[in-house]
Amino acid sequence: MLYLFYDEINWRTVLDFIRYLHRHYPKLLLLWDGAPWHRERHVKAYLKKYGIKTLKFPAYSPEENPTEQAWKTTKHAAANTYYPDEETYRWEIRRILRQKNLTKMFRYLNH
């Protein structure tokens, strides 16, 4: 599982993450929602230049978005816990993501 932490989400951080993914996986299909940073011209230009395909989830359908499902699972595991600093919090999130079996939420992709 690949992930990066950012202080904010915008088209620059999304493009940075796509480049990161692309270095690890030259052939990509991105499944995502219709967030403004996904539709930004620099992001679209990069996707087109490298032939990266995208599949957009329906609007207002968080139950069909695996990112929302992963976050929900992770949030429940990490909620109501005191973390003395940001690094400890990030370490715990990484630990949760490694131990949780998040593959169950991808069953619908086999349809």
C-alpha atoms as a PDB file:
ATOM      1  CA  MET A   1       0.000   0.000   0.000  1.00  0.00           C
ATOM      2  CA  LEU A   2       1.431   3.353  -1.002  1.00  0.00           C
ATOM      3  CA  TYR A   3       0.532   6.575   0.749  1.00  0.00           C
ATOM      4  CA  LEU A   4       2.009   9.962   1.562  1.00  0.00           C
ATOM      5  CA  PHE A   5       1.027  12.552   4.132  1.00  0.00           C
ATOM      6  CA  TYR A   6       0.365  16.136   3.053  1.00  0.00           C
ATOM      7  CA  ASP A   7      -0.548  19.197   5.076  1.00  0.00           C
ATOM      8  CA  GLU A   8      -3.239  20.095   2.550  1.00  0.00           C
ATOM      9  CA  ILE A   9      -4.892  18.699  -0.536  1.00  0.00           C
ATOM     10  CA  ASN A  10      -4.733  20.688  -3.746  1.00  0.00           C
ATOM     11  CA  TRP A  11      -3.817  20.033  -7.363  1.00  0.00           C
ATOM     12  CA  ARG A  12      -0.088  20.279  -6.612  1.00  0.00           C
ATOM     13  CA  THR A  13      -0.179  17.622  -3.891  1.00  0.00           C
ATOM     14  CA  VAL A  14      -2.451  15.404  -6.000  1.00  0.00           C
ATOM     15  CA  LEU A  15      -0.042  15.704  -8.931  1.00  0.00           C
ATOM     16  CA  ASP A  16       2.891  14.939  -6.625  1.00  0.00           C
ATOM     17  CA  PHE A  17       1.135  11.811  -5.396  1.00  0.00           C
ATOM     18  CA  ILE A  18       0.227  10.697  -8.919  1.00  0.00           C
ATOM     19  CA  ARG A  19       3.896  11.042  -9.910  1.00  0.00           C
ATOM     20  CA  TYR A  20       4.847   9.003  -6.839  1.00  0.00           C
ATOM     21  CA  LEU A  21       2.391   6.267  -7.802  1.00  0.00           C
ATOM     22  CA  HIS A  22       3.496   6.399 -11.427  1.00  0.00           C
ATOM     23  CA  ARG A  23       7.140   5.793 -10.455  1.00  0.00           C
ATOM     24  CA  HIS A  24       6.065   2.624  -8.651  1.00  0.00           C
ATOM     25  CA  TYR A  25       3.376   1.545 -11.121  1.00  0.00           C
ATOM     26  CA  PRO A  26       4.000   2.698 -14.695  1.00  0.00           C
ATOM     27  CA  LYS A  27       0.557   1.438 -15.783  1.00  0.00           C
ATOM     28  CA  LEU A  28      -2.198   3.059 -13.715  1.00  0.00           C
ATOM     29  CA  LEU A  29      -5.953   3.215 -13.495  1.00  0.00           C
ATOM     30  CA  LEU A  30      -7.030   5.823 -10.947  1.00  0.00           C
ATOM     31  CA  LEU A  31     -10.391   5.430  -9.260  1.00  0.00           C
ATOM     32  CA  TRP A  32     -11.472   8.699  -7.730  1.00  0.00           C
ATOM     33  CA  ASP A  33     -14.232  11.157  -7.022  1.00  0.00           C
ATOM     34  CA  GLY A  34     -14.947  14.466  -8.723  1.00  0.00           C
ATOM     35  CA  ALA A  35     -12.893  16.669  -6.391  1.00  0.00           C
ATOM     36  CA  PRO A  36     -11.752  19.956  -7.974  1.00  0.00           C
ATOM     37  CA  TRP A  37      -8.059  19.031  -7.715  1.00  0.00           C
ATOM     38  CA  HIS A  38      -8.719  15.915  -9.803  1.00  0.00           C
ATOM     39  CA  ARG A  39     -10.128  18.063 -12.611  1.00  0.00           C
ATOM     40  CA  GLU A  40      -7.372  20.714 -12.605  1.00  0.00           C
ATOM     41  CA  ARG A  41      -5.663  21.268 -15.966  1.00  0.00           C
ATOM     42  CA  HIS A  42      -2.119  20.366 -14.799  1.00  0.00           C
ATOM     43  CA  VAL A  43      -3.366  17.077 -13.388  1.00  0.00           C
ATOM     44  CA  LYS A  44      -5.352  16.331 -16.565  1.00  0.00           C
ATOM     45  CA  ALA A  45      -2.325  17.184 -18.726  1.00  0.00           C
ATOM     46  CA  TYR A  46      -0.093  14.776 -16.775  1.00  0.00           C
ATOM     47  CA  LEU A  47      -2.686  11.991 -17.026  1.00  0.00           C
ATOM     48  CA  LYS A  48      -3.065  12.524 -20.765  1.00  0.00           C
ATOM     49  CA  LYS A  49       0.693  12.760 -21.402  1.00  0.00           C
ATOM     50  CA  TYR A  50       1.351   9.396 -19.716  1.00  0.00           C
ATOM     51  CA  GLY A  51      -1.833   7.629 -20.790  1.00  0.00           C
ATOM     52  CA  ILE A  52      -3.123   7.204 -17.241  1.00  0.00           C
ATOM     53  CA  LYS A  53      -6.778   6.222 -17.232  1.00  0.00           C
ATOM     54  CA  THR A  54      -9.292   7.402 -14.648  1.00  0.00           C
ATOM     55  CA  LEU A  55     -12.647   6.134 -13.487  1.00  0.00           C
ATOM     56  CA  LYS A  56     -14.833   8.575 -11.590  1.00  0.00           C
ATOM     57  CA  PHE A  57     -17.148   7.426  -8.841  1.00  0.00           C
ATOM     58  CA  PRO A  58     -20.719   8.694  -8.989  1.00  0.00           C
ATOM     59  CA  ALA A  59     -21.348  11.988  -7.217  1.00  0.00           C
ATOM     60  CA  TYR A  60     -22.736  11.785  -3.689  1.00  0.00           C
ATOM     61  CA  SER A  61     -21.933   8.066  -3.388  1.00  0.00           C
ATOM     62  CA  PRO A  62     -19.353   7.711  -0.595  1.00  0.00           C
ATOM     63  CA  GLU A  63     -20.413   4.097  -0.054  1.00  0.00           C
ATOM     64  CA  GLU A  64     -18.977   3.263  -3.492  1.00  0.00           C
ATOM     65  CA  ASN A  65     -15.690   5.120  -2.945  1.00  0.00           C
ATOM     66  CA  PRO A  66     -12.963   2.845  -1.511  1.00  0.00           C
ATOM     67  CA  THR A  67     -11.052   5.868  -0.173  1.00  0.00           C
ATOM     68  CA  GLU A  68     -14.037   6.780   1.986  1.00  0.00           C
ATOM     69  CA  GLN A  69     -14.334   3.188   3.165  1.00  0.00           C
ATOM     70  CA  ALA A  70     -10.623   2.976   4.027  1.00  0.00           C
ATOM     71  CA  TRP A  71     -10.775   6.271   5.886  1.00  0.00           C
ATOM     72  CA  LYS A  72     -13.899   5.179   7.789  1.00  0.00           C
ATOM     73  CA  THR A  73     -12.194   1.955   8.909  1.00  0.00           C
ATOM     74  CA  THR A  74      -8.992   3.772   9.876  1.00  0.00           C
ATOM     75  CA  LYS A  75     -10.829   6.592  11.630  1.00  0.00           C
ATOM     76  CA  HIS A  76     -12.777   4.151  13.817  1.00  0.00           C
ATOM     77  CA  ALA A  77      -9.557   2.370  14.796  1.00  0.00           C
ATOM     78  CA  ALA A  78      -7.732   5.615  15.680  1.00  0.00           C
ATOM     79  CA  ALA A  79     -10.583   7.678  17.156  1.00  0.00           C
ATOM     80  CA  ASN A  80     -10.815   8.681  20.813  1.00  0.00           C
ATOM     81  CA  THR A  81      -7.119   8.113  21.385  1.00  0.00           C
ATOM     82  CA  TYR A  82      -4.610  10.649  22.638  1.00  0.00           C
ATOM     83  CA  TYR A  83      -1.492  11.083  20.499  1.00  0.00           C
ATOM     84  CA  PRO A  84       1.232  13.232  22.091  1.00  0.00           C
ATOM     85  CA  ASP A  85       2.485  14.514  18.733  1.00  0.00           C
ATOM     86  CA  GLU A  86       1.912  14.337  15.000  1.00  0.00           C
ATOM     87  CA  GLU A  87       4.658  11.782  14.401  1.00  0.00           C
ATOM     88  CA  THR A  88       3.068   9.358  16.869  1.00  0.00           C
ATOM     89  CA  TYR A  89      -0.294   9.844  15.153  1.00  0.00           C
ATOM     90  CA  ARG A  90       1.212   9.177  11.722  1.00  0.00           C
ATOM     91  CA  TRP A  91       2.978   6.071  13.028  1.00  0.00           C
ATOM     92  CA  GLU A  92      -0.326   4.774  14.409  1.00  0.00           C
ATOM     93  CA  ILE A  93      -2.168   5.429  11.141  1.00  0.00           C
ATOM     94  CA  ARG A  94       0.533   3.518   9.253  1.00  0.00           C
ATOM     95  CA  ARG A  95       0.227   0.638  11.721  1.00  0.00           C
ATOM     96  CA  ILE A  96      -3.566   0.544  11.352  1.00  0.00           C
ATOM     97  CA  LEU A  97      -3.353   0.588   7.561  1.00  0.00           C
ATOM     98  CA  ARG A  98      -0.886  -2.313   7.618  1.00  0.00           C
ATOM     99  CA  GLN A  99      -2.981  -4.482   9.937  1.00  0.00           C
ATOM    100  CA  LYS A 100      -6.472  -3.778   8.607  1.00  0.00           C
ATOM    101  CA  ASN A 101      -7.744  -5.999   5.857  1.00  0.00           C
ATOM    102  CA  LEU A 102      -9.091  -3.308   3.581  1.00  0.00           C
ATOM    103  CA  THR A 103      -9.460  -5.631   0.605  1.00  0.00           C
ATOM    104  CA  LYS A 104     -13.058  -6.511   1.564  1.00  0.00           C
ATOM    105  CA  MET A 105     -14.219  -3.129   0.329  1.00  0.00           C
ATOM    106  CA  PHE A 106     -13.022  -3.908  -3.211  1.00  0.00           C
ATOM    107  CA  ARG A 107     -15.455  -6.807  -3.742  1.00  0.00           C
ATOM    108  CA  TYR A 108     -17.658  -4.696  -5.965  1.00  0.00           C
ATOM    109  CA  LEU A 109     -14.809  -4.263  -8.465  1.00  0.00           C
ATOM    110  CA  ASN A 110     -15.253  -7.908  -9.437  1.00  0.00           C
ATOM    111  CA  HIS A 111     -18.749  -7.273 -10.832  1.00  0.00           C
END
